[in-house]
C-alpha atoms as a PDB file:
ATOM      1  CA  MET A   1     117.245 -15.545 -22.772  1.00  0.00           C
ATOM      2  CA  LEU A   2     114.290 -17.667 -21.725  1.00  0.00           C
ATOM      3  CA  ASP A   3     114.464 -17.142 -17.732  1.00  0.00           C
ATOM      4  CA  TRP A   4     110.679 -16.427 -18.116  1.00  0.00           C
ATOM      5  CA  LEU A   5     110.216 -20.160 -19.389  1.00  0.00           C
ATOM      6  CA  LEU A   6     111.172 -21.350 -15.734  1.00  0.00           C
ATOM      7  CA  SER A   7     107.722 -20.799 -15.171  1.00  0.00           C
ATOM      8  CA  LEU A   8     107.229 -23.663 -17.623  1.00  0.00           C
ATOM      9  CA  LYS A   9     109.971 -26.013 -15.842  1.00  0.00           C
ATOM     10  CA  GLY A  10     109.281 -29.412 -16.666  1.00  0.00           C
ATOM     11  CA  PHE A  11     106.953 -28.867 -18.943  1.00  0.00           C
ATOM     12  CA  GLN A  12     106.004 -31.568 -21.380  1.00  0.00           C
ATOM     13  CA  PRO A  13     102.708 -32.062 -23.982  1.00  0.00           C
ATOM     14  CA  ASN A  14     100.531 -34.186 -23.515  1.00  0.00           C
ATOM     15  CA  TRP A  15      98.194 -35.787 -25.636  1.00  0.00           C
ATOM     16  CA  GLY A  16      95.687 -33.368 -25.375  1.00  0.00           C
ATOM     17  CA  ASP A  17      98.710 -30.608 -26.831  1.00  0.00           C
ATOM     18  CA  HIS A  18      99.229 -32.579 -29.467  1.00  0.00           C
ATOM     19  CA  ILE A  19      95.618 -32.429 -30.253  1.00  0.00           C
ATOM     20  CA  LEU A  20      95.202 -29.276 -30.073  1.00  0.00           C
ATOM     21  CA  PHE A  21      98.269 -28.351 -31.659  1.00  0.00           C
ATOM     22  CA  LEU A  22      96.869 -30.614 -34.585  1.00  0.00           C
ATOM     23  CA  LEU A  23      93.419 -29.002 -34.735  1.00  0.00           C
ATOM     24  CA  LEU A  24      94.372 -25.387 -34.303  1.00  0.00           C
ATOM     25  CA  GLY A  25      98.181 -25.492 -36.111  1.00  0.00           C
ATOM     26  CA  VAL A  26      97.264 -27.891 -38.847  1.00  0.00           C
ATOM     27  CA  ILE A  27      93.489 -29.158 -39.374  1.00  0.00           C
ATOM     28  CA  LEU A  28      92.182 -25.605 -38.996  1.00  0.00           C
ATOM     29  CA  PRO A  29      94.933 -23.396 -41.388  1.00  0.00           C
ATOM     30  CA  PHE A  30      94.483 -26.658 -44.260  1.00  0.00           C
ATOM     31  CA  ARG A  31      90.739 -25.994 -44.042  1.00  0.00           C
ATOM     32  CA  SER A  32      91.288 -22.129 -44.300  1.00  0.00           C
ATOM     33  CA  THR A  33      93.910 -21.886 -47.444  1.00  0.00           C
ATOM     34  CA  ARG A  34      91.250 -23.805 -49.268  1.00  0.00           C
ATOM     35  CA  ALA A  35      88.480 -21.606 -48.310  1.00  0.00           C
ATOM     36  CA  GLN A  36      90.726 -18.881 -49.405  1.00  0.00           C
ATOM     37  CA  LYS A  37      90.999 -19.989 -52.431  1.00  0.00           C
ATOM     38  CA  GLY A  38      88.039 -18.808 -53.532  1.00  0.00           C
ATOM     39  CA  LEU A  39      87.676 -15.069 -52.059  1.00  0.00           C
ATOM     40  CA  SER A  40      89.191 -13.786 -55.587  1.00  0.00           C
ATOM     41  CA  SER A  41      86.103 -14.608 -57.009  1.00  0.00           C
ATOM     42  CA  ILE A  42      83.451 -13.097 -54.386  1.00  0.00           C
ATOM     43  CA  ARG A  43      81.881  -9.994 -55.223  1.00  0.00           C
ATOM     44  CA  PHE A  44      82.373  -8.251 -51.485  1.00  0.00           C
ATOM     45  CA  THR A  45      79.308  -5.980 -50.223  1.00  0.00           C
ATOM     46  CA  SER A  46      79.325  -4.143 -47.170  1.00  0.00           C
ATOM     47  CA  ASN A  47      77.414  -6.162 -45.631  1.00  0.00           C
ATOM     48  CA  LEU A  48      79.029  -9.286 -46.683  1.00  0.00           C
ATOM     49  CA  ARG A  49      82.539  -7.881 -45.489  1.00  0.00           C
ATOM     50  CA  ILE A  50      80.497  -6.868 -41.763  1.00  0.00           C
ATOM     51  CA  ARG A  51      79.527 -10.133 -41.393  1.00  0.00           C
ATOM     52  CA  LEU A  52      82.532 -11.654 -42.433  1.00  0.00           C
ATOM     53  CA  PHE A  53      84.843  -9.319 -39.946  1.00  0.00           C
ATOM     54  CA  LEU A  54      82.190 -10.513 -36.663  1.00  0.00           C
ATOM     55  CA  ALA A  55      82.733 -13.819 -37.629  1.00  0.00           C
ATOM     56  CA  ASN A  56      86.038 -13.807 -38.149  1.00  0.00           C
ATOM     57  CA  SER A  57      86.344 -12.094 -34.297  1.00  0.00           C
ATOM     58  CA  LEU A  58      83.904 -14.456 -33.007  1.00  0.00           C
ATOM     59  CA  GLY A  59      86.409 -17.917 -34.554  1.00  0.00           C
ATOM     60  CA  LEU A  60      89.361 -16.541 -32.989  1.00  0.00           C
ATOM     61  CA  TRP A  61      88.135 -15.717 -29.457  1.00  0.00           C
ATOM     62  CA  ALA A  62      87.222 -19.462 -29.676  1.00  0.00           C
ATOM     63  CA  MET A  63      90.313 -20.829 -30.503  1.00  0.00           C
ATOM     64  CA  ALA A  64      92.130 -18.487 -27.340  1.00  0.00           C
ATOM     65  CA  ILE A  65      89.751 -19.191 -25.114  1.00  0.00           C
ATOM     66  CA  ILE A  66      89.790 -22.875 -26.038  1.00  0.00           C
ATOM     67  CA  VAL A  67      93.739 -22.760 -25.001  1.00  0.00           C
ATOM     68  CA  LEU A  68      93.369 -21.154 -22.043  1.00  0.00           C
ATOM     69  CA  VAL A  69      91.042 -23.139 -20.612  1.00  0.00           C
ATOM     70  CA  TYR A  70      93.106 -25.894 -21.147  1.00  0.00           C
ATOM     71  CA  TRP A  71      95.833 -24.118 -19.932  1.00  0.00           C
ATOM     72  CA  TRP A  72      94.233 -24.030 -16.844  1.00  0.00           C
ATOM     73  CA  MET A  73      92.586 -26.789 -16.502  1.00  0.00           C
ATOM     74  CA  MET A  74      96.579 -28.408 -16.818  1.00  0.00           C
ATOM     75  CA  GLY A  75      97.045 -26.465 -13.686  1.00  0.00           C
ATOM     76  CA  ARG A  76     100.044 -24.197 -15.698  1.00  0.00           C
ATOM     77  CA  PRO A  77     100.834 -20.848 -15.437  1.00  0.00           C
ATOM     78  CA  LEU A  78      99.493 -18.155 -17.205  1.00  0.00           C
ATOM     79  CA  GLY A  79     103.279 -16.997 -17.429  1.00  0.00           C
ATOM     80  CA  GLY A  80     103.961 -19.886 -19.520  1.00  0.00           C
ATOM     81  CA  LEU A  81     101.601 -18.206 -22.578  1.00  0.00           C
ATOM     82  CA  GLY A  82     103.424 -14.864 -21.963  1.00  0.00           C
ATOM     83  CA  LEU A  83     100.452 -13.429 -20.027  1.00  0.00           C
ATOM     84  CA  GLY A  84     102.582 -12.457 -16.901  1.00  0.00           C
ATOM     85  CA  PHE A  85     103.391  -9.005 -16.153  1.00  0.00           C
ATOM     86  CA  GLN A  86     107.244  -8.630 -16.141  1.00  0.00           C
ATOM     87  CA  VAL A  87     108.797  -7.707 -19.108  1.00  0.00           C
ATOM     88  CA  ARG A  88     112.387  -8.925 -19.553  1.00  0.00           C
ATOM     89  CA  SER A  89     114.657  -6.057 -20.868  1.00  0.00           C
ATOM     90  CA  SER A  90     115.964  -7.202 -23.557  1.00  0.00           C
ATOM     91  CA  LEU A  91     119.032  -5.867 -26.244  1.00  0.00           C
ATOM     92  CA  LEU A  92     118.044  -8.626 -28.591  1.00  0.00           C
ATOM     93  CA  GLY A  93     114.241  -7.944 -28.291  1.00  0.00           C
ATOM     94  CA  TRP A  94     113.882  -4.204 -28.699  1.00  0.00           C
ATOM     95  CA  THR A  95     116.653  -4.691 -31.934  1.00  0.00           C
ATOM     96  CA  ALA A  96     114.069  -7.321 -33.457  1.00  0.00           C
ATOM     97  CA  PHE A  97     111.791  -4.787 -32.274  1.00  0.00           C
ATOM     98  CA  GLY A  98     113.219  -2.071 -34.144  1.00  0.00           C
ATOM     99  CA  ILE A  99     113.883  -4.450 -37.296  1.00  0.00           C
ATOM    100  CA  PHE A 100     110.435  -5.147 -37.971  1.00  0.00           C
ATOM    101  CA  ALA A 101     109.054  -1.460 -37.261  1.00  0.00           C
ATOM    102  CA  LEU A 102     111.887  -0.658 -40.034  1.00  0.00           C
ATOM    103  CA  LEU A 103     110.883  -3.279 -42.600  1.00  0.00           C
ATOM    104  CA  TYR A 104     107.228  -2.598 -41.726  1.00  0.00           C
ATOM    105  CA  LEU A 105     107.496   1.214 -42.615  1.00  0.00           C
ATOM    106  CA  ILE A 106     110.063   0.413 -45.482  1.00  0.00           C
ATOM    107  CA  ASP A 107     107.178  -2.085 -47.124  1.00  0.00           C
ATOM    108  CA  PHE A 108     105.024   0.673 -47.031  1.00  0.00           C
ATOM    109  CA  ALA A 109     106.825   2.900 -48.397  1.00  0.00           C
ATOM    110  CA  VAL A 110     107.402   1.003 -51.769  1.00  0.00           C
ATOM    111  CA  VAL A 111     103.450  -0.012 -51.873  1.00  0.00           C
ATOM    112  CA  PHE A 112     102.197   3.341 -51.664  1.00  0.00           C
ATOM    113  CA  ALA A 113     104.683   5.838 -52.721  1.00  0.00           C
ATOM    114  CA  THR A 114     104.765   5.109 -56.540  1.00  0.00           C
ATOM    115  CA  ARG A 115     101.723   5.510 -58.717  1.00  0.00           C
ATOM    116  CA  SER A 116     102.079   2.102 -60.043  1.00  0.00           C
ATOM    117  CA  GLY A 117     102.233   0.849 -56.204  1.00  0.00           C
ATOM    118  CA  MET A 118      99.001   2.486 -55.527  1.00  0.00           C
ATOM    119  CA  GLU A 119      97.652   0.520 -58.613  1.00  0.00           C
ATOM    120  CA  LYS A 120      98.644  -2.861 -57.873  1.00  0.00           C
ATOM    121  CA  PHE A 121      97.124  -2.103 -54.641  1.00  0.00           C
ATOM    122  CA  GLU A 122      93.863  -0.994 -55.544  1.00  0.00           C
ATOM    123  CA  ASN A 123      93.601  -4.012 -58.194  1.00  0.00           C
ATOM    124  CA  LYS A 124      94.268  -6.099 -55.114  1.00  0.00           C
ATOM    125  CA  LEU A 125      91.584  -4.993 -53.458  1.00  0.00           C
ATOM    126  CA  SER A 126      89.101  -6.333 -56.622  1.00  0.00           C
ATOM    127  CA  GLY A 127      90.485  -9.725 -55.569  1.00  0.00           C
ATOM    128  CA  GLU A 128      92.452 -11.160 -52.879  1.00  0.00           C
ATOM    129  CA  LEU A 129      92.527  -7.928 -50.516  1.00  0.00           C
ATOM    130  CA  GLY A 130      88.775  -7.641 -50.931  1.00  0.00           C
ATOM    131  CA  LEU A 131      87.968  -8.147 -47.271  1.00  0.00           C
ATOM    132  CA  LEU A 132      89.387  -4.613 -46.287  1.00  0.00           C
ATOM    133  CA  PRO A 133      87.033  -2.177 -45.356  1.00  0.00           C
ATOM    134  CA  ARG A 134      86.341   0.514 -47.569  1.00  0.00           C
ATOM    135  CA  ASN A 135      84.292   2.877 -45.909  1.00  0.00           C
ATOM    136  CA  ARG A 136      83.664   4.168 -42.352  1.00  0.00           C
ATOM    137  CA  ARG A 137      81.189   2.056 -41.271  1.00  0.00           C
ATOM    138  CA  GLU A 138      82.741  -1.234 -42.081  1.00  0.00           C
ATOM    139  CA  TYR A 139      86.346   0.007 -40.492  1.00  0.00           C
ATOM    140  CA  LEU A 140      83.956   0.079 -36.803  1.00  0.00           C
ATOM    141  CA  TYR A 141      83.389  -3.205 -37.136  1.00  0.00           C
ATOM    142  CA  PHE A 142      86.906  -3.659 -38.644  1.00  0.00           C
ATOM    143  CA  ILE A 143      88.134  -2.226 -35.590  1.00  0.00           C
ATOM    144  CA  PRO A 144      86.994  -5.281 -33.165  1.00  0.00           C
ATOM    145  CA  LEU A 145      88.423  -7.735 -35.460  1.00  0.00           C
ATOM    146  CA  SER A 146      91.929  -5.902 -35.364  1.00  0.00           C
ATOM    147  CA  LEU A 147      91.839  -6.563 -31.516  1.00  0.00           C
ATOM    148  CA  SER A 148      90.615 -10.199 -31.866  1.00  0.00           C
ATOM    149  CA  ALA A 149      93.411 -11.081 -34.007  1.00  0.00           C
ATOM    150  CA  GLY A 150      96.074  -9.169 -32.161  1.00  0.00           C
ATOM    151  CA  VAL A 151      95.105 -10.402 -28.873  1.00  0.00           C
ATOM    152  CA  CYS A 152      94.020 -14.350 -29.902  1.00  0.00           C
ATOM    153  CA  GLU A 153      96.365 -14.920 -32.656  1.00  0.00           C
ATOM    154  CA  GLU A 154      99.324 -13.663 -30.411  1.00  0.00           C
ATOM    155  CA  ILE A 155      98.170 -16.108 -27.432  1.00  0.00           C
ATOM    156  CA  VAL A 156      97.652 -18.559 -29.941  1.00  0.00           C
ATOM    157  CA  PHE A 157     100.781 -18.860 -32.542  1.00  0.00           C
ATOM    158  CA  ARG A 158     103.254 -17.000 -30.313  1.00  0.00           C
ATOM    159  CA  GLY A 159     102.231 -18.279 -26.515  1.00  0.00           C
ATOM    160  CA  TYR A 160     101.039 -21.581 -27.097  1.00  0.00           C
ATOM    161  CA  PHE A 161     102.708 -22.498 -30.005  1.00  0.00           C
ATOM    162  CA  ILE A 162     106.051 -21.529 -28.733  1.00  0.00           C
ATOM    163  CA  ALA A 163     105.588 -22.986 -25.471  1.00  0.00           C
ATOM    164  CA  TYR A 164     104.372 -26.185 -27.367  1.00  0.00           C
ATOM    165  CA  TRP A 165     107.391 -26.890 -29.279  1.00  0.00           C
ATOM    166  CA  LEU A 166     109.767 -25.910 -26.633  1.00  0.00           C
ATOM    167  CA  GLY A 167     108.119 -28.208 -24.514  1.00  0.00           C
ATOM    168  CA  LEU A 168     108.082 -30.972 -27.497  1.00  0.00           C
ATOM    169  CA  THR A 169     112.030 -30.586 -28.376  1.00  0.00           C
ATOM    170  CA  ALA A 170     113.373 -29.922 -25.141  1.00  0.00           C
ATOM    171  CA  PRO A 171     113.920 -33.760 -24.307  1.00  0.00           C
ATOM    172  CA  PHE A 172     116.525 -33.988 -26.957  1.00  0.00           C
ATOM    173  CA  GLN A 173     118.862 -30.885 -26.100  1.00  0.00           C
ATOM    174  CA  LEU A 174     118.938 -29.352 -28.794  1.00  0.00           C
ATOM    175  CA  GLY A 175     120.657 -26.041 -27.402  1.00  0.00           C
ATOM    176  CA  PHE A 176     120.076 -23.592 -30.189  1.00  0.00           C
ATOM    177  CA  TRP A 177     117.328 -25.495 -32.461  1.00  0.00           C
ATOM    178  CA  SER A 178     114.908 -25.901 -30.035  1.00  0.00           C
ATOM    179  CA  PRO A 179     113.819 -21.798 -29.709  1.00  0.00           C
ATOM    180  CA  PHE A 180     114.712 -22.478 -33.698  1.00  0.00           C
ATOM    181  CA  ILE A 181     111.875 -24.495 -34.324  1.00  0.00           C
ATOM    182  CA  ALA A 182     109.534 -22.988 -31.861  1.00  0.00           C
ATOM    183  CA  ILE A 183     109.909 -19.699 -33.404  1.00  0.00           C
ATOM    184  CA  VAL A 184     109.817 -20.862 -36.716  1.00  0.00           C
ATOM    185  CA  LEU A 185     107.182 -23.533 -37.471  1.00  0.00           C
ATOM    186  CA  PRO A 186     104.339 -21.331 -35.706  1.00  0.00           C
ATOM    187  CA  ALA A 187     105.359 -18.203 -37.660  1.00  0.00           C
ATOM    188  CA  VAL A 188     105.320 -21.181 -41.352  1.00  0.00           C
ATOM    189  CA  ILE A 189     102.107 -21.613 -40.052  1.00  0.00           C
ATOM    190  CA  PHE A 190     100.898 -18.212 -39.397  1.00  0.00           C
ATOM    191  CA  GLY A 191     101.959 -16.479 -42.866  1.00  0.00           C
ATOM    192  CA  ILE A 192      99.790 -19.932 -44.500  1.00  0.00           C
ATOM    193  CA  VAL A 193      96.663 -18.684 -42.456  1.00  0.00           C
ATOM    194  CA  HIS A 194      97.367 -15.750 -44.195  1.00  0.00           C
ATOM    195  CA  GLN A 195      97.955 -16.648 -47.941  1.00  0.00           C
ATOM    196  CA  TYR A 196      94.724 -15.205 -49.057  1.00  0.00           C
ATOM    197  CA  GLN A 197      97.063 -11.969 -49.313  1.00  0.00           C
ATOM    198  CA  GLY A 198      99.318 -12.956 -52.035  1.00  0.00           C
ATOM    199  CA  ASN A 199     102.255 -15.472 -52.235  1.00  0.00           C
ATOM    200  CA  TRP A 200     104.749 -12.025 -51.237  1.00  0.00           C
ATOM    201  CA  ALA A 201     102.643 -11.107 -48.457  1.00  0.00           C
ATOM    202  CA  VAL A 202     103.109 -14.849 -46.645  1.00  0.00           C
ATOM    203  CA  VAL A 203     106.582 -14.353 -46.877  1.00  0.00           C
ATOM    204  CA  ARG A 204     106.543 -10.730 -45.463  1.00  0.00           C
ATOM    205  CA  ILE A 205     104.271 -12.307 -42.668  1.00  0.00           C
ATOM    206  CA  VAL A 206     106.417 -14.935 -41.931  1.00  0.00           C
ATOM    207  CA  LEU A 207     109.105 -12.706 -41.461  1.00  0.00           C
ATOM    208  CA  MET A 208     106.821 -10.479 -39.351  1.00  0.00           C
ATOM    209  CA  ALA A 209     106.189 -13.958 -37.185  1.00  0.00           C
ATOM    210  CA  VAL A 210     110.190 -14.925 -36.641  1.00  0.00           C
ATOM    211  CA  LEU A 211     110.909 -11.113 -35.547  1.00  0.00           C
ATOM    212  CA  PHE A 212     107.900 -11.434 -32.941  1.00  0.00           C
ATOM    213  CA  GLY A 213     108.863 -15.177 -31.550  1.00  0.00           C
ATOM    214  CA  VAL A 214     112.388 -13.411 -30.792  1.00  0.00           C
ATOM    215  CA  CYS A 215     110.992 -10.793 -29.061  1.00  0.00           C
ATOM    216  CA  TYR A 216     108.579 -12.552 -27.237  1.00  0.00           C
ATOM    217  CA  LEU A 217     111.498 -15.564 -26.252  1.00  0.00           C
ATOM    218  CA  GLU A 218     113.129 -12.061 -25.213  1.00  0.00           C
ATOM    219  CA  PHE A 219     110.683  -9.992 -23.283  1.00  0.00           C
ATOM    220  CA  GLY A 220     108.792 -13.308 -21.505  1.00  0.00           C
ATOM    221  CA  VAL A 221     105.386 -11.243 -22.286  1.00  0.00           C
ATOM    222  CA  LEU A 222     103.084 -11.157 -24.996  1.00  0.00           C
ATOM    223  CA  TRP A 223     101.460  -7.538 -24.524  1.00  0.00           C
ATOM    224  CA  PRO A 224     104.047  -5.477 -26.302  1.00  0.00           C
ATOM    225  CA  LEU A 225     103.143  -7.798 -29.232  1.00  0.00           C
ATOM    226  CA  MET A 226      99.718  -7.814 -28.989  1.00  0.00           C
ATOM    227  CA  ALA A 227      99.467  -3.902 -29.481  1.00  0.00           C
ATOM    228  CA  LEU A 228     101.566  -3.724 -32.129  1.00  0.00           C
ATOM    229  CA  HIS A 229      99.920  -6.357 -34.014  1.00  0.00           C
ATOM    230  CA  PHE A 230      96.628  -4.410 -33.436  1.00  0.00           C
ATOM    231  CA  GLY A 231      98.207  -1.005 -33.909  1.00  0.00           C
ATOM    232  CA  ILE A 232      99.274  -2.609 -37.809  1.00  0.00           C
ATOM    233  CA  ASP A 233      95.853  -4.111 -38.719  1.00  0.00           C
ATOM    234  CA  LEU A 234      94.082  -1.046 -38.003  1.00  0.00           C
ATOM    235  CA  VAL A 235      96.641   0.622 -40.502  1.00  0.00           C
ATOM    236  CA  GLY A 236      96.030  -1.988 -42.827  1.00  0.00           C
ATOM    237  CA  GLY A 237      92.185  -1.125 -42.613  1.00  0.00           C
ATOM    238  CA  VAL A 238      92.776   2.741 -42.621  1.00  0.00           C
ATOM    239  CA  VAL A 239      94.486   1.765 -45.937  1.00  0.00           C
ATOM    240  CA  GLY A 240      91.705   0.597 -47.871  1.00  0.00           C
ATOM    241  CA  LEU A 241      89.815   3.798 -47.076  1.00  0.00           C
ATOM    242  CA  TRP A 242      91.648   5.570 -49.636  1.00  0.00           C
ATOM    243  CA  PHE A 243      89.851   3.567 -52.022  1.00  0.00           C
ATOM    244  CA  PRO A 244      86.232   3.929 -51.578  1.00  0.00           C
ATOM    245  CA  GLU A 245      83.623   1.705 -53.945  1.00  0.00           C
ATOM    246  CA  ALA A 246      81.125   3.417 -55.516  1.00  0.00           C
ATOM    247  CA  PRO A 247      77.818   3.092 -53.884  1.00  0.00           C
ATOM    248  CA  GLU A 248      75.776   0.214 -53.982  1.00  0.00           C
ATOM    249  CA  PRO A 249      72.830   0.747 -56.518  1.00  0.00           C
ATOM    250  CA  GLU A 250      69.017   1.032 -54.685  1.00  0.00           C
ATOM    251  CA  PRO A 251      66.755  -2.423 -55.380  1.00  0.00           C
ATOM    252  CA  PHE A 252      64.881  -1.605 -58.425  1.00  0.00           C
ATOM    253  CA  HIS A 253      61.050  -1.675 -58.386  1.00  0.00           C
ATOM    254  CA  ASP A 254      59.256  -1.489 -61.147  1.00  0.00           C
ATOM    255  CA  PHE A 255      55.828   0.099 -60.108  1.00  0.00           C
ATOM    256  CA  THR A 256      52.506  -0.489 -61.934  1.00  0.00           C
ATOM    257  CA  TRP A 257      49.824   1.890 -61.563  1.00  0.00           C
ATOM    258  CA  GLU A 258      46.490   1.150 -62.512  1.00  0.00           C
ATOM    259  CA  GLU A 259      43.827   3.008 -63.468  1.00  0.00           C
ATOM    260  CA  GLU A 260      40.787   2.923 -61.014  1.00  0.00           C
END
């Protein structure tokens, strides 16, 4: 385990890293949770969803580009961010990968295998899950958002945050606790960012992020996690299509005719 971290030998976070983590790991998540509190009161229209999909995609890429540019400016190898190409074969990694897939399928079945589960989900579409696409046009714009989340969130929350905490705890020689902290703290932040989906969803997302962190430390690369993350978000968007909204009414025009 952690053989790939040899590419980060001697890496110690500097003040720039501390500021970057404060911005991306504390300030933005805190502001995000405050903004999310108003989502349930918003009446989402098709055009509003599309604008939010595009805006969120740009925001995710901005975060990832900031991390990548700073990492490059510091002269650090991309392998330290999980962007190398040598996948380490690991039984523990594939086990964590399989456990996640199993839990995801069970959770999916629990929600959608019963009428009550379907009704609860449909009710959430009028509240905290109102951002999900509800027609094919919206879904076309949701695809780039899913790709952006799969790539950019893995770079930031797995690649950068885990490297940051591993480097920060390395001088203390904490043994097992160093990777534990590096996995769990970013996972909790990742869950908080998705608080708009509900408290139970936050618990599931934190667990997912922990398993992703284990996979990352075992595989040494982010590509499998990016692909899986992208696929999960695509499936989540498809689920919204099962509950299409009624067409938005055409604007009413009151024409008055004057007699000539």
